[in-house]
Amino acid sequence: MNWDMIEGNWKELSGKARQRWGKLTDDDWQMVAGKREELIGRIQQRYGKNRDEAEKDVDEWGRELH
């Protein structure tokens, strides 16, 4: 699923995102609000991943949503 679709359906998809990235806090989720770059940054912070790893994880999750 492309990110425009994810962002447009964020309210429905955020529960699945929360399951995948359980270390993110409620404040993190408020900041993310469907924004891909913000999600990548928060994953980097909470999981200690580099940018490429976090971006790959987010993209993989997006593909799994089909």
C-alpha atoms as a PDB file:
ATOM      1  CA  MET A   1       0.000   0.000   0.000  1.00  0.00           C
ATOM      2  CA  ASN A   2       1.483   3.371  -0.873  1.00  0.00           C
ATOM      3  CA  TRP A   3       2.034   5.899   1.855  1.00  0.00           C
ATOM      4  CA  ASP A   4      -0.636   8.321   0.591  1.00  0.00           C
ATOM      5  CA  MET A   5      -3.211   5.592   1.162  1.00  0.00           C
ATOM      6  CA  ILE A   6      -1.753   4.762   4.571  1.00  0.00           C
ATOM      7  CA  GLU A   7      -1.815   8.407   5.611  1.00  0.00           C
ATOM      8  CA  GLY A   8      -5.389   8.783   4.377  1.00  0.00           C
ATOM      9  CA  ASN A   9      -6.498   5.732   6.357  1.00  0.00           C
ATOM     10  CA  TRP A  10      -4.266   6.331   9.366  1.00  0.00           C
ATOM     11  CA  LYS A  11      -7.056   6.101  11.940  1.00  0.00           C
ATOM     12  CA  GLU A  12      -7.883   2.579  10.780  1.00  0.00           C
ATOM     13  CA  LEU A  13      -4.258   1.500  10.301  1.00  0.00           C
ATOM     14  CA  SER A  14      -2.705   3.000  13.411  1.00  0.00           C
ATOM     15  CA  GLY A  15      -3.797   0.011  15.509  1.00  0.00           C
ATOM     16  CA  LYS A  16      -1.787  -2.318  13.302  1.00  0.00           C
ATOM     17  CA  ALA A  17       1.173   0.041  13.507  1.00  0.00           C
ATOM     18  CA  ARG A  18       0.912   0.124  17.297  1.00  0.00           C
ATOM     19  CA  GLN A  19       0.998  -3.683  17.383  1.00  0.00           C
ATOM     20  CA  ARG A  20       4.142  -3.770  15.280  1.00  0.00           C
ATOM     21  CA  TRP A  21       6.000  -1.007  17.116  1.00  0.00           C
ATOM     22  CA  GLY A  22       4.893  -1.417  20.701  1.00  0.00           C
ATOM     23  CA  LYS A  23       7.790   0.588  22.134  1.00  0.00           C
ATOM     24  CA  LEU A  24       6.398   3.818  20.727  1.00  0.00           C
ATOM     25  CA  THR A  25       4.556   5.893  23.300  1.00  0.00           C
ATOM     26  CA  ASP A  26       1.198   7.618  22.964  1.00  0.00           C
ATOM     27  CA  ASP A  27       3.109  10.881  22.529  1.00  0.00           C
ATOM     28  CA  ASP A  28       5.102   9.287  19.700  1.00  0.00           C
ATOM     29  CA  TRP A  29       1.893   8.251  17.969  1.00  0.00           C
ATOM     30  CA  GLN A  30       0.449  11.731  18.287  1.00  0.00           C
ATOM     31  CA  MET A  31       3.578  13.129  16.630  1.00  0.00           C
ATOM     32  CA  VAL A  32       3.519  10.500  13.868  1.00  0.00           C
ATOM     33  CA  ALA A  33      -0.123  11.111  12.918  1.00  0.00           C
ATOM     34  CA  GLY A  34       0.324   9.168   9.674  1.00  0.00           C
ATOM     35  CA  LYS A  35       3.543  10.882   8.568  1.00  0.00           C
ATOM     36  CA  ARG A  36       6.063   8.397   7.178  1.00  0.00           C
ATOM     37  CA  GLU A  37       9.189  10.412   7.986  1.00  0.00           C
ATOM     38  CA  GLU A  38       8.050  10.984  11.557  1.00  0.00           C
ATOM     39  CA  LEU A  39       7.370   7.258  12.010  1.00  0.00           C
ATOM     40  CA  ILE A  40      10.815   6.394  10.697  1.00  0.00           C
ATOM     41  CA  GLY A  41      12.417   8.861  13.106  1.00  0.00           C
ATOM     42  CA  ARG A  42      10.495   7.550  16.097  1.00  0.00           C
ATOM     43  CA  ILE A  43      11.409   3.950  15.240  1.00  0.00           C
ATOM     44  CA  GLN A  44      15.060   4.976  15.023  1.00  0.00           C
ATOM     45  CA  GLN A  45      14.876   6.544  18.482  1.00  0.00           C
ATOM     46  CA  ARG A  46      12.939   3.827  20.296  1.00  0.00           C
ATOM     47  CA  TYR A  47      14.516   0.779  18.654  1.00  0.00           C
ATOM     48  CA  GLY A  48      18.062   2.056  18.122  1.00  0.00           C
ATOM     49  CA  LYS A  49      17.924   1.403  14.387  1.00  0.00           C
ATOM     50  CA  ASN A  50      19.732   3.377  11.740  1.00  0.00           C
ATOM     51  CA  ARG A  51      17.724   5.262   9.124  1.00  0.00           C
ATOM     52  CA  ASP A  52      17.984   2.532   6.478  1.00  0.00           C
ATOM     53  CA  GLU A  53      16.789  -0.171   8.873  1.00  0.00           C
ATOM     54  CA  ALA A  54      13.860   1.906  10.108  1.00  0.00           C
ATOM     55  CA  GLU A  55      12.869   2.887   6.572  1.00  0.00           C
ATOM     56  CA  LYS A  56      13.022  -0.751   5.432  1.00  0.00           C
ATOM     57  CA  ASP A  57      10.854  -1.784   8.387  1.00  0.00           C
ATOM     58  CA  VAL A  58       8.230   0.882   7.604  1.00  0.00           C
ATOM     59  CA  ASP A  59       8.189   0.003   3.900  1.00  0.00           C
ATOM     60  CA  GLU A  60       7.843  -3.710   4.670  1.00  0.00           C
ATOM     61  CA  TRP A  61       4.912  -2.980   6.977  1.00  0.00           C
ATOM     62  CA  GLY A  62       3.268  -0.914   4.238  1.00  0.00           C
ATOM     63  CA  ARG A  63       3.583  -3.785   1.747  1.00  0.00           C
ATOM     64  CA  GLU A  64       2.051  -6.208   4.261  1.00  0.00           C
ATOM     65  CA  LEU A  65      -1.112  -4.106   4.474  1.00  0.00           C
ATOM     66  CA  HIS A  66      -2.449  -5.301   1.106  1.00  0.00           C
END
